[in-house]
N, C-alpha and C. Protein backbone atom coordinates (compact mmCIF):
# COMPACT_ATOMS: atom_id res chain seq x y z
N MET A 1 12.83 -9.53 37.22
CA MET A 1 12.33 -10.86 36.98
C MET A 1 13.02 -11.41 35.73
N SER A 2 13.50 -12.63 35.79
CA SER A 2 14.17 -13.23 34.64
C SER A 2 13.15 -13.64 33.58
N THR A 3 13.64 -13.93 32.40
CA THR A 3 12.76 -14.37 31.32
C THR A 3 12.02 -15.64 31.71
N ALA A 4 12.72 -16.57 32.32
CA ALA A 4 12.09 -17.83 32.74
C ALA A 4 10.98 -17.56 33.75
N GLU A 5 11.22 -16.64 34.68
CA GLU A 5 10.20 -16.31 35.68
C GLU A 5 9.00 -15.62 35.05
N LEU A 6 9.27 -14.75 34.09
CA LEU A 6 8.18 -14.08 33.38
C LEU A 6 7.32 -15.09 32.62
N LYS A 7 7.96 -16.05 31.98
CA LYS A 7 7.22 -17.09 31.25
C LYS A 7 6.33 -17.90 32.19
N ILE A 8 6.88 -18.30 33.32
CA ILE A 8 6.11 -19.09 34.29
C ILE A 8 4.93 -18.28 34.80
N ASP A 9 5.16 -17.00 35.11
CA ASP A 9 4.09 -16.13 35.58
C ASP A 9 3.00 -15.99 34.52
N LEU A 10 3.40 -15.78 33.27
CA LEU A 10 2.44 -15.62 32.19
C LEU A 10 1.65 -16.90 31.97
N ILE A 11 2.31 -18.03 31.96
CA ILE A 11 1.62 -19.31 31.79
C ILE A 11 0.60 -19.51 32.90
N SER A 12 0.98 -19.19 34.12
CA SER A 12 0.07 -19.32 35.25
C SER A 12 -1.15 -18.42 35.09
N ARG A 13 -0.92 -17.20 34.69
CA ARG A 13 -2.03 -16.26 34.51
C ARG A 13 -2.97 -16.72 33.39
N ILE A 14 -2.40 -17.21 32.31
CA ILE A 14 -3.22 -17.69 31.20
C ILE A 14 -4.05 -18.89 31.66
N ALA A 15 -3.42 -19.79 32.38
CA ALA A 15 -4.13 -20.99 32.86
C ALA A 15 -5.28 -20.63 33.80
N ASN A 16 -5.16 -19.54 34.52
CA ASN A 16 -6.17 -19.17 35.50
C ASN A 16 -7.24 -18.22 34.98
N THR A 17 -7.07 -17.70 33.77
CA THR A 17 -8.08 -16.77 33.26
C THR A 17 -9.26 -17.52 32.65
N GLU A 18 -10.41 -16.95 32.80
CA GLU A 18 -11.64 -17.51 32.22
C GLU A 18 -12.16 -16.62 31.09
N GLU A 19 -11.36 -15.64 30.71
CA GLU A 19 -11.77 -14.68 29.68
C GLU A 19 -11.23 -15.09 28.32
N PRO A 20 -12.09 -15.64 27.47
CA PRO A 20 -11.62 -16.10 26.15
C PRO A 20 -11.02 -14.98 25.30
N HIS A 21 -11.55 -13.75 25.43
CA HIS A 21 -11.03 -12.67 24.59
C HIS A 21 -9.59 -12.31 24.96
N ILE A 22 -9.24 -12.46 26.22
CA ILE A 22 -7.85 -12.19 26.64
C ILE A 22 -6.91 -13.22 26.03
N ILE A 23 -7.31 -14.47 26.10
CA ILE A 23 -6.49 -15.55 25.55
C ILE A 23 -6.35 -15.38 24.04
N GLU A 24 -7.43 -15.01 23.37
CA GLU A 24 -7.39 -14.81 21.93
C GLU A 24 -6.46 -13.65 21.56
N GLU A 25 -6.52 -12.57 22.32
CA GLU A 25 -5.64 -11.43 22.04
C GLU A 25 -4.18 -11.79 22.27
N LEU A 26 -3.90 -12.56 23.30
CA LEU A 26 -2.53 -13.01 23.54
C LEU A 26 -2.04 -13.88 22.39
N ARG A 27 -2.91 -14.76 21.91
CA ARG A 27 -2.55 -15.62 20.78
C ARG A 27 -2.24 -14.79 19.54
N LYS A 28 -3.08 -13.79 19.27
CA LYS A 28 -2.85 -12.93 18.10
C LYS A 28 -1.52 -12.18 18.23
N LEU A 29 -1.24 -11.68 19.42
CA LEU A 29 0.01 -10.96 19.65
C LEU A 29 1.21 -11.87 19.42
N LEU A 30 1.15 -13.07 19.97
CA LEU A 30 2.26 -14.01 19.79
C LEU A 30 2.40 -14.43 18.34
N ASP A 31 1.27 -14.68 17.66
CA ASP A 31 1.33 -15.04 16.24
C ASP A 31 2.01 -13.95 15.44
N PHE A 32 1.64 -12.69 15.74
CA PHE A 32 2.22 -11.57 15.02
C PHE A 32 3.71 -11.43 15.30
N GLU A 33 4.09 -11.51 16.56
CA GLU A 33 5.48 -11.32 16.95
C GLU A 33 6.38 -12.46 16.48
N LEU A 34 5.85 -13.65 16.40
CA LEU A 34 6.68 -14.81 16.05
C LEU A 34 6.68 -15.12 14.56
N ASP A 35 5.86 -14.40 13.80
CA ASP A 35 5.77 -14.63 12.36
C ASP A 35 7.02 -14.05 11.70
N ASN A 36 7.79 -14.90 11.04
CA ASN A 36 9.03 -14.46 10.40
C ASN A 36 8.84 -14.07 8.94
N GLU A 37 7.61 -14.21 8.44
CA GLU A 37 7.37 -13.87 7.05
C GLU A 37 7.28 -12.36 6.89
N THR A 38 7.61 -11.89 5.71
CA THR A 38 7.49 -10.48 5.38
C THR A 38 6.01 -10.16 5.21
N TYR A 39 5.57 -9.08 5.85
CA TYR A 39 4.18 -8.67 5.73
C TYR A 39 3.95 -8.13 4.33
N LYS A 40 2.92 -8.62 3.67
CA LYS A 40 2.62 -8.21 2.31
C LYS A 40 1.41 -7.28 2.33
N LEU A 41 1.59 -6.10 1.74
CA LEU A 41 0.50 -5.15 1.66
C LEU A 41 -0.38 -5.44 0.46
N SER A 42 -1.67 -5.17 0.61
CA SER A 42 -2.58 -5.26 -0.52
C SER A 42 -2.29 -4.06 -1.43
N PRO A 43 -2.75 -4.10 -2.67
CA PRO A 43 -2.53 -2.94 -3.55
C PRO A 43 -3.10 -1.65 -2.96
N GLU A 44 -4.25 -1.74 -2.30
CA GLU A 44 -4.86 -0.57 -1.68
C GLU A 44 -3.99 -0.04 -0.54
N GLN A 45 -3.46 -0.94 0.26
CA GLN A 45 -2.58 -0.53 1.36
C GLN A 45 -1.31 0.11 0.82
N GLN A 46 -0.73 -0.47 -0.21
CA GLN A 46 0.48 0.08 -0.81
C GLN A 46 0.21 1.47 -1.37
N GLN A 47 -0.96 1.66 -1.97
CA GLN A 47 -1.32 2.97 -2.50
C GLN A 47 -1.41 4.00 -1.38
N ARG A 48 -2.01 3.63 -0.24
CA ARG A 48 -2.12 4.56 0.90
C ARG A 48 -0.74 4.90 1.47
N VAL A 49 0.15 3.90 1.52
CA VAL A 49 1.51 4.17 1.99
C VAL A 49 2.20 5.16 1.06
N ASN A 50 2.05 4.94 -0.23
CA ASN A 50 2.65 5.84 -1.21
C ASN A 50 2.08 7.25 -1.09
N GLU A 51 0.77 7.36 -0.87
CA GLU A 51 0.15 8.67 -0.69
C GLU A 51 0.72 9.36 0.56
N GLY A 52 0.88 8.60 1.63
CA GLY A 52 1.44 9.16 2.85
C GLY A 52 2.87 9.65 2.66
N LYS A 53 3.67 8.88 1.93
CA LYS A 53 5.04 9.30 1.64
C LYS A 53 5.06 10.60 0.83
N THR A 54 4.18 10.66 -0.16
CA THR A 54 4.11 11.86 -1.00
C THR A 54 3.73 13.08 -0.17
N GLU A 55 2.73 12.92 0.70
CA GLU A 55 2.32 14.04 1.55
C GLU A 55 3.45 14.45 2.49
N TYR A 56 4.14 13.48 3.05
CA TYR A 56 5.26 13.78 3.95
C TYR A 56 6.34 14.56 3.22
N LEU A 57 6.72 14.10 2.04
CA LEU A 57 7.77 14.76 1.27
C LEU A 57 7.36 16.16 0.84
N ALA A 58 6.04 16.38 0.69
CA ALA A 58 5.53 17.71 0.31
C ALA A 58 5.36 18.61 1.52
N GLY A 59 5.70 18.09 2.70
CA GLY A 59 5.61 18.91 3.91
C GLY A 59 4.21 19.00 4.50
N LYS A 60 3.31 18.15 4.05
CA LYS A 60 1.94 18.16 4.56
C LYS A 60 1.85 17.33 5.84
N VAL A 61 2.47 17.85 6.88
CA VAL A 61 2.50 17.15 8.17
C VAL A 61 2.16 18.14 9.28
N ILE A 62 1.76 17.59 10.43
CA ILE A 62 1.54 18.42 11.61
C ILE A 62 2.31 17.78 12.77
N SER A 63 2.57 18.59 13.77
CA SER A 63 3.31 18.08 14.93
C SER A 63 2.40 17.19 15.78
N GLU A 64 3.02 16.43 16.66
CA GLU A 64 2.26 15.59 17.57
C GLU A 64 1.36 16.46 18.44
N GLN A 65 1.87 17.60 18.89
CA GLN A 65 1.07 18.50 19.73
C GLN A 65 -0.15 19.01 18.97
N GLN A 66 0.03 19.37 17.70
CA GLN A 66 -1.10 19.83 16.89
C GLN A 66 -2.12 18.72 16.71
N ALA A 67 -1.64 17.51 16.50
CA ALA A 67 -2.55 16.38 16.34
C ALA A 67 -3.32 16.13 17.63
N ASP A 68 -2.62 16.18 18.76
CA ASP A 68 -3.28 15.99 20.07
C ASP A 68 -4.35 17.04 20.30
N GLU A 69 -4.04 18.29 19.96
CA GLU A 69 -5.00 19.38 20.13
C GLU A 69 -6.22 19.18 19.24
N ALA A 70 -6.01 18.76 18.01
CA ALA A 70 -7.12 18.52 17.09
C ALA A 70 -8.00 17.37 17.60
N ILE A 71 -7.37 16.33 18.11
CA ILE A 71 -8.12 15.19 18.65
C ILE A 71 -8.91 15.61 19.88
N ASP A 72 -8.27 16.37 20.78
CA ASP A 72 -8.96 16.85 21.98
C ASP A 72 -10.17 17.71 21.60
N GLN A 73 -9.99 18.58 20.63
CA GLN A 73 -11.10 19.44 20.19
C GLN A 73 -12.23 18.58 19.61
N TRP A 74 -11.88 17.61 18.79
CA TRP A 74 -12.88 16.74 18.18
C TRP A 74 -13.64 15.97 19.24
N LEU A 75 -12.91 15.44 20.24
CA LEU A 75 -13.55 14.69 21.30
C LEU A 75 -14.47 15.56 22.16
N SER A 76 -14.10 16.81 22.37
CA SER A 76 -14.92 17.70 23.19
C SER A 76 -16.22 18.07 22.48
N GLU A 77 -16.24 17.95 21.16
CA GLU A 77 -17.44 18.26 20.40
C GLU A 77 -18.44 17.12 20.41
N LYS A 78 -18.03 15.96 20.80
CA LYS A 78 -18.91 14.78 20.79
C LYS A 78 -19.78 14.72 22.00
């Protein structure tokens, strides 16, 4: 499907939906994707990023498989 065809299909689907939350989520996605400004982190967010970098450089990481297993175990306990 060409880009023009995808746009027409999407416009049609949006016009026919009665679900406000779907339209709102699409708007948020487009706003995010089309925003050309640099995302600015709050001081707290920057601190968490720095903490994550420090932990990574110190080797405090786990594999994706280990993370999946931990999540599965946690979910099975609920």
